[in-house]
């Protein structure tokens, strides 16, 4: 939010803005919740360009955060009962062969020297 204070905003339409920050221009669409920097699309949290536009419209940036970060979504995720796993004694053992590392073949060609030479200027 601190960096959004230094953004220069130009409103082009109702919900479409052009935002300049340090000489780089980005397009923000608040209706679609997108920004050309793609940070808002990836994280689901408004980037500094979008925050500058939201504040310009006298909105709350927290209202534009993706629903997966809301408290209600978190609580809905864990409302079903999560049943515990059975004890190890209750599960049956499955016979498997032991796993060994792959065979290593020596590389072709002359081996490198163990010592490293110092470069003297």
PDB file of N, CA and C in Angstrom:
ATOM      1  N   UNK A   1       0.816  -1.186   0.000  1.00  0.00           N
ATOM      2  CA  UNK A   1       0.000   0.000   0.000  1.00  0.00           C
ATOM      3  C   UNK A   1       0.860   1.250   0.000  1.00  0.00           C
ATOM      4  N   UNK A   2       2.068   1.166   0.571  1.00  0.00           N
ATOM      5  CA  UNK A   2       2.923   2.348   0.610  1.00  0.00           C
ATOM      6  C   UNK A   2       3.350   2.775  -0.791  1.00  0.00           C
ATOM      7  N   UNK A   3       3.676   1.795  -1.646  1.00  0.00           N
ATOM      8  CA  UNK A   3       4.108   2.125  -3.005  1.00  0.00           C
ATOM      9  C   UNK A   3       2.964   2.667  -3.849  1.00  0.00           C
ATOM     10  N   UNK A   4       1.735   2.339  -3.515  1.00  0.00           N
ATOM     11  CA  UNK A   4       0.598   2.813  -4.306  1.00  0.00           C
ATOM     12  C   UNK A   4       0.426   4.324  -4.197  1.00  0.00           C
ATOM     13  N   UNK A   5       0.981   4.940  -3.168  1.00  0.00           N
ATOM     14  CA  UNK A   5       0.893   6.399  -3.010  1.00  0.00           C
ATOM     15  C   UNK A   5       1.705   7.133  -4.068  1.00  0.00           C
ATOM     16  N   UNK A   6       2.699   6.462  -4.618  1.00  0.00           N
ATOM     17  CA  UNK A   6       3.585   7.100  -5.592  1.00  0.00           C
ATOM     18  C   UNK A   6       3.159   6.823  -7.032  1.00  0.00           C
ATOM     19  N   UNK A   7       2.001   6.235  -7.236  1.00  0.00           N
ATOM     20  CA  UNK A   7       1.505   5.926  -8.580  1.00  0.00           C
ATOM     21  C   UNK A   7       0.744   7.107  -9.144  1.00  0.00           C
ATOM     22  N   UNK A   8       0.952   7.361 -10.442  1.00  0.00           N
ATOM     23  CA  UNK A   8       0.191   8.388 -11.147  1.00  0.00           C
ATOM     24  C   UNK A   8      -0.971   7.697 -11.847  1.00  0.00           C
ATOM     25  N   UNK A   9      -2.191   8.164 -11.591  1.00  0.00           N
ATOM     26  CA  UNK A   9      -3.393   7.489 -12.074  1.00  0.00           C
ATOM     27  C   UNK A   9      -4.074   8.336 -13.144  1.00  0.00           C
ATOM     28  N   UNK A  10      -4.490   7.659 -14.224  1.00  0.00           N
ATOM     29  CA  UNK A  10      -5.307   8.293 -15.263  1.00  0.00           C
ATOM     30  C   UNK A  10      -6.520   7.406 -15.488  1.00  0.00           C
ATOM     31  N   UNK A  11      -7.694   7.963 -15.269  1.00  0.00           N
ATOM     32  CA  UNK A  11      -8.931   7.200 -15.451  1.00  0.00           C
ATOM     33  C   UNK A  11      -9.331   7.285 -16.918  1.00  0.00           C
ATOM     34  N   UNK A  12      -9.506   6.123 -17.560  1.00  0.00           N
ATOM     35  CA  UNK A  12      -9.891   6.112 -18.967  1.00  0.00           C
ATOM     36  C   UNK A  12     -11.375   5.835 -19.139  1.00  0.00           C
ATOM     37  N   UNK A  13     -11.949   4.936 -18.368  1.00  0.00           N
ATOM     38  CA  UNK A  13     -13.380   4.628 -18.381  1.00  0.00           C
ATOM     39  C   UNK A  13     -13.845   4.506 -16.940  1.00  0.00           C
ATOM     40  N   UNK A  14     -15.009   3.900 -16.745  1.00  0.00           N
ATOM     41  CA  UNK A  14     -15.554   3.779 -15.394  1.00  0.00           C
ATOM     42  C   UNK A  14     -14.637   2.980 -14.475  1.00  0.00           C
ATOM     43  N   UNK A  15     -14.262   1.787 -14.897  1.00  0.00           N
ATOM     44  CA  UNK A  15     -13.447   0.918 -14.051  1.00  0.00           C
ATOM     45  C   UNK A  15     -12.088   0.602 -14.660  1.00  0.00           C
ATOM     46  N   UNK A  16     -11.674   1.323 -15.681  1.00  0.00           N
ATOM     47  CA  UNK A  16     -10.387   1.070 -16.341  1.00  0.00           C
ATOM     48  C   UNK A  16      -9.475   2.264 -16.108  1.00  0.00           C
ATOM     49  N   UNK A  17      -8.276   1.961 -15.624  1.00  0.00           N
ATOM     50  CA  UNK A  17      -7.298   2.991 -15.292  1.00  0.00           C
ATOM     51  C   UNK A  17      -5.971   2.705 -15.991  1.00  0.00           C
ATOM     52  N   UNK A  18      -5.192   3.765 -16.178  1.00  0.00           N
ATOM     53  CA  UNK A  18      -3.795   3.638 -16.579  1.00  0.00           C
ATOM     54  C   UNK A  18      -2.977   4.149 -15.410  1.00  0.00           C
ATOM     55  N   UNK A  19      -2.077   3.311 -14.920  1.00  0.00           N
ATOM     56  CA  UNK A  19      -1.298   3.641 -13.732  1.00  0.00           C
ATOM     57  C   UNK A  19       0.178   3.661 -14.103  1.00  0.00           C
ATOM     58  N   UNK A  20       0.853   4.766 -13.796  1.00  0.00           N
ATOM     59  CA  UNK A  20       2.294   4.898 -14.070  1.00  0.00           C
ATOM     60  C   UNK A  20       3.052   4.869 -12.750  1.00  0.00           C
ATOM     61  N   UNK A  21       4.082   4.032 -12.691  1.00  0.00           N
ATOM     62  CA  UNK A  21       4.930   3.940 -11.507  1.00  0.00           C
ATOM     63  C   UNK A  21       6.361   3.749 -11.977  1.00  0.00           C
ATOM     64  N   UNK A  22       7.220   4.687 -11.647  1.00  0.00           N
ATOM     65  CA  UNK A  22       8.641   4.670 -12.025  1.00  0.00           C
ATOM     66  C   UNK A  22       8.820   4.495 -13.533  1.00  0.00           C
ATOM     67  N   UNK A  23       8.024   5.194 -14.300  1.00  0.00           N
ATOM     68  CA  UNK A  23       8.154   5.178 -15.753  1.00  0.00           C
ATOM     69  C   UNK A  23       7.523   3.991 -16.453  1.00  0.00           C
ATOM     70  N   UNK A  24       6.928   3.085 -15.711  1.00  0.00           N
ATOM     71  CA  UNK A  24       6.283   1.911 -16.297  1.00  0.00           C
ATOM     72  C   UNK A  24       4.774   2.093 -16.180  1.00  0.00           C
ATOM     73  N   UNK A  25       4.073   1.889 -17.295  1.00  0.00           N
ATOM     74  CA  UNK A  25       2.629   2.077 -17.331  1.00  0.00           C
ATOM     75  C   UNK A  25       1.924   0.722 -17.326  1.00  0.00           C
ATOM     76  N   UNK A  26       0.897   0.599 -16.501  1.00  0.00           N
ATOM     77  CA  UNK A  26       0.099  -0.629 -16.413  1.00  0.00           C
ATOM     78  C   UNK A  26      -1.376  -0.269 -16.514  1.00  0.00           C
ATOM     79  N   UNK A  27      -2.153  -1.196 -17.095  1.00  0.00           N
ATOM     80  CA  UNK A  27      -3.590  -1.016 -17.219  1.00  0.00           C
ATOM     81  C   UNK A  27      -4.293  -1.842 -16.150  1.00  0.00           C
ATOM     82  N   UNK A  28      -5.239  -1.209 -15.452  1.00  0.00           N
ATOM     83  CA  UNK A  28      -5.983  -1.868 -14.380  1.00  0.00           C
ATOM     84  C   UNK A  28      -7.466  -1.838 -14.734  1.00  0.00           C
ATOM     85  N   UNK A  29      -8.114  -2.994 -14.639  1.00  0.00           N
ATOM     86  CA  UNK A  29      -9.557  -3.106 -14.841  1.00  0.00           C
ATOM     87  C   UNK A  29     -10.162  -3.601 -13.536  1.00  0.00           C
ATOM     88  N   UNK A  30     -10.826  -2.703 -12.824  1.00  0.00           N
ATOM     89  CA  UNK A  30     -11.385  -3.071 -11.523  1.00  0.00           C
ATOM     90  C   UNK A  30     -12.610  -3.965 -11.658  1.00  0.00           C
ATOM     91  N   UNK A  31     -13.352  -3.837 -12.758  1.00  0.00           N
ATOM     92  CA  UNK A  31     -14.539  -4.677 -12.940  1.00  0.00           C
ATOM     93  C   UNK A  31     -14.151  -6.134 -13.122  1.00  0.00           C
ATOM     94  N   UNK A  32     -13.075  -6.393 -13.876  1.00  0.00           N
ATOM     95  CA  UNK A  32     -12.601  -7.765 -14.098  1.00  0.00           C
ATOM     96  C   UNK A  32     -11.562  -8.204 -13.075  1.00  0.00           C
ATOM     97  N   UNK A  33     -11.140  -7.268 -12.231  1.00  0.00           N
ATOM     98  CA  UNK A  33     -10.105  -7.526 -11.221  1.00  0.00           C
ATOM     99  C   UNK A  33      -8.819  -8.034 -11.857  1.00  0.00           C
ATOM    100  N   UNK A  34      -8.326  -7.275 -12.837  1.00  0.00           N
ATOM    101  CA  UNK A  34      -7.093  -7.630 -13.526  1.00  0.00           C
ATOM    102  C   UNK A  34      -6.181  -6.419 -13.617  1.00  0.00           C
ATOM    103  N   UNK A  35      -4.894  -6.702 -13.739  1.00  0.00           N
ATOM    104  CA  UNK A  35      -3.873  -5.685 -13.958  1.00  0.00           C
ATOM    105  C   UNK A  35      -2.885  -6.244 -14.966  1.00  0.00           C
ATOM    106  N   UNK A  36      -2.308  -5.381 -15.791  1.00  0.00           N
ATOM    107  CA  UNK A  36      -1.393  -5.863 -16.819  1.00  0.00           C
ATOM    108  C   UNK A  36      -0.074  -6.357 -16.235  1.00  0.00           C
ATOM    109  N   UNK A  37       0.218  -6.057 -14.982  1.00  0.00           N
ATOM    110  CA  UNK A  37       1.433  -6.603 -14.351  1.00  0.00           C
ATOM    111  C   UNK A  37       1.231  -8.061 -13.956  1.00  0.00           C
ATOM    112  N   UNK A  38      -0.008  -8.549 -13.986  1.00  0.00           N
ATOM    113  CA  UNK A  38      -0.400  -9.937 -13.723  1.00  0.00           C
ATOM    114  C   UNK A  38      -0.222 -10.374 -12.264  1.00  0.00           C
ATOM    115  N   UNK A  39       0.217  -9.490 -11.394  1.00  0.00           N
ATOM    116  CA  UNK A  39       0.413  -9.861  -9.990  1.00  0.00           C
ATOM    117  C   UNK A  39      -0.922 -10.129  -9.299  1.00  0.00           C
ATOM    118  N   UNK A  40      -1.928  -9.340  -9.610  1.00  0.00           N
ATOM    119  CA  UNK A  40      -3.256  -9.509  -9.019  1.00  0.00           C
ATOM    120  C   UNK A  40      -3.869 -10.821  -9.491  1.00  0.00           C
ATOM    121  N   UNK A  41      -3.638 -11.183 -10.765  1.00  0.00           N
ATOM    122  CA  UNK A  41      -4.180 -12.431 -11.306  1.00  0.00           C
ATOM    123  C   UNK A  41      -3.551 -13.649 -10.633  1.00  0.00           C
ATOM    124  N   UNK A  42      -2.256 -13.580 -10.362  1.00  0.00           N
ATOM    125  CA  UNK A  42      -1.536 -14.730  -9.821  1.00  0.00           C
ATOM    126  C   UNK A  42      -1.798 -14.907  -8.331  1.00  0.00           C
ATOM    127  N   UNK A  43      -1.688 -13.832  -7.563  1.00  0.00           N
ATOM    128  CA  UNK A  43      -1.802 -13.942  -6.115  1.00  0.00           C
ATOM    129  C   UNK A  43      -3.214 -13.840  -5.583  1.00  0.00           C
ATOM    130  N   UNK A  44      -4.090 -13.137  -6.297  1.00  0.00           N
ATOM    131  CA  UNK A  44      -5.443 -12.928  -5.804  1.00  0.00           C
ATOM    132  C   UNK A  44      -5.555 -11.766  -4.843  1.00  0.00           C
ATOM    133  N   UNK A  45      -4.443 -11.075  -4.626  1.00  0.00           N
ATOM    134  CA  UNK A  45      -4.408  -9.893  -3.768  1.00  0.00           C
ATOM    135  C   UNK A  45      -4.087  -8.710  -4.667  1.00  0.00           C
ATOM    136  N   UNK A  46      -4.809  -7.598  -4.550  1.00  0.00           N
ATOM    137  CA  UNK A  46      -4.550  -6.461  -5.439  1.00  0.00           C
ATOM    138  C   UNK A  46      -3.110  -5.971  -5.366  1.00  0.00           C
ATOM    139  N   UNK A  47      -2.541  -5.698  -6.539  1.00  0.00           N
ATOM    140  CA  UNK A  47      -1.186  -5.155  -6.605  1.00  0.00           C
ATOM    141  C   UNK A  47      -1.232  -3.665  -6.277  1.00  0.00           C
ATOM    142  N   UNK A  48      -0.073  -3.028  -6.236  1.00  0.00           N
ATOM    143  CA  UNK A  48      -0.024  -1.611  -5.867  1.00  0.00           C
ATOM    144  C   UNK A  48      -0.754  -0.746  -6.888  1.00  0.00           C
ATOM    145  N   UNK A  49      -0.764  -1.163  -8.168  1.00  0.00           N
ATOM    146  CA  UNK A  49      -1.476  -0.390  -9.190  1.00  0.00           C
ATOM    147  C   UNK A  49      -2.978  -0.425  -8.911  1.00  0.00           C
ATOM    148  N   UNK A  50      -3.483  -1.613  -8.599  1.00  0.00           N
ATOM    149  CA  UNK A  50      -4.903  -1.765  -8.320  1.00  0.00           C
ATOM    150  C   UNK A  50      -5.289  -1.060  -7.029  1.00  0.00           C
ATOM    151  N   UNK A  51      -4.437  -1.121  -6.038  1.00  0.00           N
ATOM    152  CA  UNK A  51      -4.730  -0.456  -4.769  1.00  0.00           C
ATOM    153  C   UNK A  51      -4.838   1.047  -4.973  1.00  0.00           C
ATOM    154  N   UNK A  52      -3.970   1.611  -5.806  1.00  0.00           N
ATOM    155  CA  UNK A  52      -4.042   3.049  -6.089  1.00  0.00           C
ATOM    156  C   UNK A  52      -5.372   3.407  -6.738  1.00  0.00           C
ATOM    157  N   UNK A  53      -5.862   2.552  -7.642  1.00  0.00           N
ATOM    158  CA  UNK A  53      -7.145   2.806  -8.305  1.00  0.00           C
ATOM    159  C   UNK A  53      -8.317   2.629  -7.348  1.00  0.00           C
ATOM    160  N   UNK A  54      -8.241   1.623  -6.491  1.00  0.00           N
ATOM    161  CA  UNK A  54      -9.314   1.375  -5.524  1.00  0.00           C
ATOM    162  C   UNK A  54      -9.425   2.543  -4.550  1.00  0.00           C
ATOM    163  N   UNK A  55      -8.288   3.048  -4.093  1.00  0.00           N
ATOM    164  CA  UNK A  55      -8.292   4.187  -3.172  1.00  0.00           C
ATOM    165  C   UNK A  55      -8.812   5.428  -3.886  1.00  0.00           C
ATOM    166  N   UNK A  56      -8.508   5.568  -5.183  1.00  0.00           N
ATOM    167  CA  UNK A  56      -9.014   6.700  -5.955  1.00  0.00           C
ATOM    168  C   UNK A  56     -10.540   6.672  -6.027  1.00  0.00           C
ATOM    169  N   UNK A  57     -11.137   5.492  -6.058  1.00  0.00           N
ATOM    170  CA  UNK A  57     -12.600   5.355  -6.074  1.00  0.00           C
ATOM    171  C   UNK A  57     -13.201   5.360  -4.665  1.00  0.00           C
ATOM    172  N   UNK A  58     -12.384   5.623  -3.666  1.00  0.00           N
ATOM    173  CA  UNK A  58     -12.799   5.639  -2.264  1.00  0.00           C
ATOM    174  C   UNK A  58     -13.299   4.269  -1.801  1.00  0.00           C
ATOM    175  N   UNK A  59     -12.684   3.207  -2.323  1.00  0.00           N
ATOM    176  CA  UNK A  59     -13.044   1.854  -1.940  1.00  0.00           C
ATOM    177  C   UNK A  59     -12.066   1.276  -0.936  1.00  0.00           C
ATOM    178  N   UNK A  60     -12.382   0.098  -0.450  1.00  0.00           N
ATOM    179  CA  UNK A  60     -11.526  -0.602   0.499  1.00  0.00           C
ATOM    180  C   UNK A  60     -10.784  -1.704  -0.253  1.00  0.00           C
ATOM    181  N   UNK A  61      -9.443  -1.692  -0.282  1.00  0.00           N
ATOM    182  CA  UNK A  61      -8.696  -2.728  -1.004  1.00  0.00           C
ATOM    183  C   UNK A  61      -8.980  -4.142  -0.518  1.00  0.00           C
ATOM    184  N   UNK A  62      -9.369  -4.313   0.751  1.00  0.00           N
ATOM    185  CA  UNK A  62      -9.655  -5.643   1.284  1.00  0.00           C
ATOM    186  C   UNK A  62     -10.904  -6.257   0.648  1.00  0.00           C
ATOM    187  N   UNK A  63     -11.781  -5.421   0.096  1.00  0.00           N
ATOM    188  CA  UNK A  63     -12.971  -5.941  -0.576  1.00  0.00           C
ATOM    189  C   UNK A  63     -12.632  -6.565  -1.926  1.00  0.00           C
ATOM    190  N   UNK A  64     -11.449  -6.291  -2.458  1.00  0.00           N
ATOM    191  CA  UNK A  64     -11.046  -6.804  -3.759  1.00  0.00           C
ATOM    192  C   UNK A  64     -10.112  -8.007  -3.658  1.00  0.00           C
ATOM    193  N   UNK A  65      -9.899  -8.511  -2.461  1.00  0.00           N
ATOM    194  CA  UNK A  65      -9.064  -9.699  -2.258  1.00  0.00           C
ATOM    195  C   UNK A  65      -9.868 -10.928  -2.672  1.00  0.00           C
ATOM    196  N   UNK A  66      -9.198 -11.922  -3.260  1.00  0.00           N
ATOM    197  CA  UNK A  66      -9.866 -13.137  -3.716  1.00  0.00           C
ATOM    198  C   UNK A  66     -10.545 -13.846  -2.552  1.00  0.00           C
ATOM    199  N   UNK A  67     -11.637 -14.528  -2.840  1.00  0.00           N
ATOM    200  CA  UNK A  67     -12.434 -15.162  -1.780  1.00  0.00           C
ATOM    201  C   UNK A  67     -11.698 -16.285  -1.054  1.00  0.00           C
ATOM    202  N   UNK A  68     -10.647 -16.841  -1.660  1.00  0.00           N
ATOM    203  CA  UNK A  68      -9.927 -17.929  -0.979  1.00  0.00           C
ATOM    204  C   UNK A  68      -9.196 -17.443   0.278  1.00  0.00           C
ATOM    205  N   UNK A  69      -9.001 -16.124   0.404  1.00  0.00           N
ATOM    206  CA  UNK A  69      -8.333 -15.574   1.577  1.00  0.00           C
ATOM    207  C   UNK A  69      -9.318 -15.147   2.668  1.00  0.00           C
ATOM    208  N   UNK A  70     -10.615 -15.249   2.430  1.00  0.00           N
ATOM    209  CA  UNK A  70     -11.598 -14.823   3.413  1.00  0.00           C
ATOM    210  C   UNK A  70     -11.711 -15.842   4.546  1.00  0.00           C
ATOM    211  N   UNK A  71     -12.066 -15.349   5.698  1.00  0.00           N
ATOM    212  CA  UNK A  71     -12.198 -16.199   6.883  1.00  0.00           C
ATOM    213  C   UNK A  71     -13.314 -17.231   6.701  1.00  0.00           C
ATOM    214  N   UNK A  72     -14.406 -16.813   6.064  1.00  0.00           N
ATOM    215  CA  UNK A  72     -15.538 -17.715   5.875  1.00  0.00           C
ATOM    216  C   UNK A  72     -15.151 -18.906   5.002  1.00  0.00           C
ATOM    217  N   UNK A  73     -14.350 -18.666   3.981  1.00  0.00           N
ATOM    218  CA  UNK A  73     -13.898 -19.746   3.099  1.00  0.00           C
ATOM    219  C   UNK A  73     -13.026 -20.722   3.868  1.00  0.00           C
ATOM    220  N   UNK A  74     -12.162 -20.208   4.716  1.00  0.00           N
ATOM    221  CA  UNK A  74     -11.299 -21.060   5.536  1.00  0.00           C
ATOM    222  C   UNK A  74     -12.136 -21.941   6.458  1.00  0.00           C
ATOM    223  N   UNK A  75     -13.128 -21.349   7.089  1.00  0.00           N
ATOM    224  CA  UNK A  75     -13.963 -22.116   8.009  1.00  0.00           C
ATOM    225  C   UNK A  75     -14.811 -23.152   7.269  1.00  0.00           C
ATOM    226  N   UNK A  76     -15.312 -22.806   6.065  1.00  0.00           N
ATOM    227  CA  UNK A  76     -16.082 -23.764   5.274  1.00  0.00           C
ATOM    228  C   UNK A  76     -15.223 -24.941   4.827  1.00  0.00           C
ATOM    229  N   UNK A  77     -13.939 -24.690   4.612  1.00  0.00           N
ATOM    230  CA  UNK A  77     -13.040 -25.761   4.180  1.00  0.00           C
ATOM    231  C   UNK A  77     -12.893 -26.827   5.253  1.00  0.00           C
ATOM    232  N   UNK A  78     -12.833 -26.420   6.499  1.00  0.00           N
ATOM    233  CA  UNK A  78     -12.578 -27.358   7.583  1.00  0.00           C
ATOM    234  C   UNK A  78     -13.823 -27.699   8.397  1.00  0.00           C
ATOM    235  N   UNK A  79     -15.034 -27.403   7.894  1.00  0.00           N
ATOM    236  CA  UNK A  79     -16.238 -27.796   8.627  1.00  0.00           C
ATOM    237  C   UNK A  79     -16.496 -29.292   8.577  1.00  0.00           C
ATOM    238  N   UNK A  80     -16.225 -30.005   7.462  1.00  0.00           N
ATOM    239  CA  UNK A  80     -16.435 -31.454   7.527  1.00  0.00           C
ATOM    240  C   UNK A  80     -15.439 -32.097   8.485  1.00  0.00           C
ATOM    241  N   UNK A  81     -15.834 -33.200   9.026  1.00  0.00           N
ATOM    242  CA  UNK A  81     -14.986 -33.913   9.974  1.00  0.00           C
ATOM    243  C   UNK A  81     -13.841 -34.576   9.225  1.00  0.00           C
ATOM    244  N   UNK A  82     -12.648 -34.421   9.753  1.00  0.00           N
ATOM    245  CA  UNK A  82     -11.479 -35.088   9.197  1.00  0.00           C
ATOM    246  C   UNK A  82     -11.201 -36.290  10.088  1.00  0.00           C
ATOM    247  N   UNK A  83     -11.416 -37.475   9.547  1.00  0.00           N
ATOM    248  CA  UNK A  83     -11.258 -38.688  10.333  1.00  0.00           C
ATOM    249  C   UNK A  83      -9.782 -39.041  10.482  1.00  0.00           C
ATOM    250  N   UNK A  84      -9.388 -39.548  11.654  1.00  0.00           N
ATOM    251  CA  UNK A  84      -7.982 -39.909  11.867  1.00  0.00           C
ATOM    252  C   UNK A  84      -7.600 -41.150  11.058  1.00  0.00           C
ATOM    253  N   UNK A  85      -6.325 -41.287  10.811  1.00  0.00           N
ATOM    254  CA  UNK A  85      -5.804 -42.451  10.095  1.00  0.00           C
ATOM    255  C   UNK A  85      -5.764 -43.645  11.043  1.00  0.00           C
ATOM    256  N   UNK A  86      -5.954 -44.870  10.536  1.00  0.00           N
ATOM    257  CA  UNK A  86      -5.886 -46.044  11.413  1.00  0.00           C
ATOM    258  C   UNK A  86      -4.455 -46.266  11.914  1.00  0.00           C
ATOM    259  N   UNK A  87      -4.368 -46.980  13.011  1.00  0.00           N
ATOM    260  CA  UNK A  87      -3.053 -47.274  13.565  1.00  0.00           C
ATOM    261  C   UNK A  87      -2.249 -48.152  12.626  1.00  0.00           C
ATOM    262  N   UNK A  88      -0.953 -48.114  12.781  1.00  0.00           N
ATOM    263  CA  UNK A  88      -0.079 -48.891  11.904  1.00  0.00           C
ATOM    264  C   UNK A  88      -0.315 -50.395  12.076  1.00  0.00           C
ATOM    265  N   UNK A  89      -0.677 -50.823  13.293  1.00  0.00           N
ATOM    266  CA  UNK A  89      -0.915 -52.238  13.521  1.00  0.00           C
ATOM    267  C   UNK A  89      -2.164 -52.720  12.773  1.00  0.00           C
ATOM    268  N   UNK A  90      -3.075 -51.811  12.471  1.00  0.00           N
ATOM    269  CA  UNK A  90      -4.304 -52.190  11.798  1.00  0.00           C
ATOM    270  C   UNK A  90      -4.147 -52.256  10.277  1.00  0.00           C
ATOM    271  N   UNK A  91      -3.113 -51.651   9.756  1.00  0.00           N
ATOM    272  CA  UNK A  91      -2.893 -51.700   8.315  1.00  0.00           C
ATOM    273  C   UNK A  91      -2.083 -52.922   7.968  1.00  0.00           C
ATOM    274  N   UNK A  92      -2.301 -53.451   6.800  1.00  0.00           N
ATOM    275  CA  UNK A  92      -1.557 -54.655   6.415  1.00  0.00           C
ATOM    276  C   UNK A  92      -0.262 -54.254   5.714  1.00  0.00           C
ATOM    277  N   UNK A  93       0.729 -55.072   5.909  1.00  0.00           N
ATOM    278  CA  UNK A  93       2.027 -54.829   5.306  1.00  0.00           C
ATOM    279  C   UNK A  93       2.020 -55.303   3.860  1.00  0.00           C
ATOM    280  N   UNK A  94       2.631 -54.568   3.012  1.00  0.00           N
ATOM    281  CA  UNK A  94       2.740 -54.935   1.612  1.00  0.00           C
ATOM    282  C   UNK A  94       4.195 -55.316   1.349  1.00  0.00           C
ATOM    283  N   UNK A  95       4.395 -56.512   0.802  1.00  0.00           N
ATOM    284  CA  UNK A  95       5.748 -56.978   0.536  1.00  0.00           C
ATOM    285  C   UNK A  95       6.322 -56.219  -0.666  1.00  0.00           C
ATOM    286  N   UNK A  96       7.444 -55.580  -0.454  1.00  0.00           N
ATOM    287  CA  UNK A  96       8.109 -54.853  -1.533  1.00  0.00           C
ATOM    288  C   UNK A  96       9.585 -55.187  -1.512  1.00  0.00           C
ATOM    289  N   UNK A  97      10.198 -55.105  -2.663  1.00  0.00           N
ATOM    290  CA  UNK A  97      11.642 -55.275  -2.735  1.00  0.00           C
ATOM    291  C   UNK A  97      12.300 -53.999  -2.243  1.00  0.00           C
ATOM    292  N   UNK A  98      13.465 -54.162  -1.633  1.00  0.00           N
ATOM    293  CA  UNK A  98      14.171 -52.973  -1.162  1.00  0.00           C
ATOM    294  C   UNK A  98      14.702 -52.195  -2.361  1.00  0.00           C
ATOM    295  N   UNK A  99      14.743 -50.902  -2.212  1.00  0.00           N
ATOM    296  CA  UNK A  99      15.167 -50.029  -3.294  1.00  0.00           C
ATOM    297  C   UNK A  99      16.647 -49.729  -3.131  1.00  0.00           C
ATOM    298  N   UNK A 100      17.395 -49.904  -4.205  1.00  0.00           N
ATOM    299  CA  UNK A 100      18.828 -49.641  -4.203  1.00  0.00           C
ATOM    300  C   UNK A 100      19.134 -48.475  -5.122  1.00  0.00           C
ATOM    301  N   UNK A 101      20.245 -47.766  -4.863  1.00  0.00           N
ATOM    302  CA  UNK A 101      20.598 -46.662  -5.753  1.00  0.00           C
ATOM    303  C   UNK A 101      21.020 -47.194  -7.117  1.00  0.00           C
ATOM    304  N   UNK A 102      20.950 -46.374  -8.157  1.00  0.00           N
ATOM    305  CA  UNK A 102      21.321 -46.834  -9.492  1.00  0.00           C
ATOM    306  C   UNK A 102      22.816 -47.115  -9.584  1.00  0.00           C
ATOM    307  N   UNK A 103      23.177 -47.983 -10.512  1.00  0.00           N
ATOM    308  CA  UNK A 103      24.579 -48.307 -10.733  1.00  0.00           C
ATOM    309  C   UNK A 103      25.271 -47.093 -11.360  1.00  0.00           C
ATOM    310  N   UNK A 104      26.447 -46.770 -10.858  1.00  0.00           N
ATOM    311  CA  UNK A 104      27.181 -45.616 -11.366  1.00  0.00           C
ATOM    312  C   UNK A 104      28.303 -46.117 -12.254  1.00  0.00           C
ATOM    313  N   UNK A 105      28.320 -45.643 -13.496  1.00  0.00           N
ATOM    314  CA  UNK A 105      29.377 -46.003 -14.428  1.00  0.00           C
ATOM    315  C   UNK A 105      30.426 -44.907 -14.409  1.00  0.00           C
ATOM    316  N   UNK A 106      31.702 -45.263 -14.449  1.00  0.00           N
ATOM    317  CA  UNK A 106      32.715 -44.216 -14.518  1.00  0.00           C
ATOM    318  C   UNK A 106      32.595 -43.475 -15.856  1.00  0.00           C
ATOM    319  N   UNK A 107      32.799 -42.160 -15.819  1.00  0.00           N
ATOM    320  CA  UNK A 107      32.677 -41.371 -17.041  1.00  0.00           C
ATOM    321  C   UNK A 107      33.852 -41.644 -17.971  1.00  0.00           C
ATOM    322  N   UNK A 108      33.606 -41.469 -19.240  1.00  0.00           N
ATOM    323  CA  UNK A 108      34.664 -41.733 -20.217  1.00  0.00           C
ATOM    324  C   UNK A 108      35.636 -40.561 -20.250  1.00  0.00           C
ATOM    325  N   UNK A 109      36.843 -40.850 -20.681  1.00  0.00           N
ATOM    326  CA  UNK A 109      37.876 -39.814 -20.771  1.00  0.00           C
ATOM    327  C   UNK A 109      38.782 -39.820 -19.563  1.00  0.00           C
ATOM    328  N   UNK A 110      39.766 -38.971 -19.648  1.00  0.00           N
ATOM    329  CA  UNK A 110      40.751 -38.876 -18.578  1.00  0.00           C
ATOM    330  C   UNK A 110      40.131 -38.168 -17.372  1.00  0.00           C
ATOM    331  N   UNK A 111      40.321 -38.697 -16.138  1.00  0.00           N
ATOM    332  CA  UNK A 111      39.747 -38.045 -14.962  1.00  0.00           C
ATOM    333  C   UNK A 111      40.439 -36.718 -14.666  1.00  0.00           C
ATOM    334  N   UNK A 112      39.725 -35.790 -14.074  1.00  0.00           N
ATOM    335  CA  UNK A 112      40.277 -34.487 -13.727  1.00  0.00           C
ATOM    336  C   UNK A 112      41.229 -34.633 -12.548  1.00  0.00           C
ATOM    337  N   UNK A 113      42.150 -33.687 -12.466  1.00  0.00           N
ATOM    338  CA  UNK A 113      43.095 -33.688 -11.350  1.00  0.00           C
ATOM    339  C   UNK A 113      42.362 -33.297 -10.078  1.00  0.00           C
ATOM    340  N   UNK A 114      42.828 -33.857  -8.971  1.00  0.00           N
ATOM    341  CA  UNK A 114      42.175 -33.595  -7.696  1.00  0.00           C
ATOM    342  C   UNK A 114      42.508 -32.184  -7.193  1.00  0.00           C
ATOM    343  N   UNK A 115      43.678 -31.658  -7.533  1.00  0.00           N
ATOM    344  CA  UNK A 115      44.057 -30.345  -7.020  1.00  0.00           C
ATOM    345  C   UNK A 115      43.613 -29.258  -7.982  1.00  0.00           C
ATOM    346  N   UNK A 116      43.423 -28.094  -7.436  1.00  0.00           N
ATOM    347  CA  UNK A 116      43.041 -26.958  -8.249  1.00  0.00           C
ATOM    348  C   UNK A 116      44.171 -25.964  -8.222  1.00  0.00           C
ATOM    349  N   UNK A 117      44.543 -25.485  -9.381  1.00  0.00           N
ATOM    350  CA  UNK A 117      45.645 -24.537  -9.469  1.00  0.00           C
ATOM    351  C   UNK A 117      45.186 -23.139  -9.106  1.00  0.00           C
ATOM    352  N   UNK A 118      46.058 -22.395  -8.434  1.00  0.00           N
ATOM    353  CA  UNK A 118      45.760 -21.009  -8.078  1.00  0.00           C
ATOM    354  C   UNK A 118      46.187 -20.104  -9.228  1.00  0.00           C
ATOM    355  N   UNK A 119      45.390 -19.122  -9.505  1.00  0.00           N
ATOM    356  CA  UNK A 119      45.741 -18.169 -10.550  1.00  0.00           C
ATOM    357  C   UNK A 119      46.549 -17.052  -9.915  1.00  0.00           C
ATOM    358  N   UNK A 120      47.730 -16.811 -10.413  1.00  0.00           N
ATOM    359  CA  UNK A 120      48.602 -15.778  -9.872  1.00  0.00           C
ATOM    360  C   UNK A 120      48.651 -14.643 -10.885  1.00  0.00           C
ATOM    361  N   UNK A 121      48.387 -13.440 -10.418  1.00  0.00           N
ATOM    362  CA  UNK A 121      48.414 -12.282 -11.303  1.00  0.00           C
ATOM    363  C   UNK A 121      49.729 -11.567 -11.201  1.00  0.00           C
TER     364      UNK A 121
END
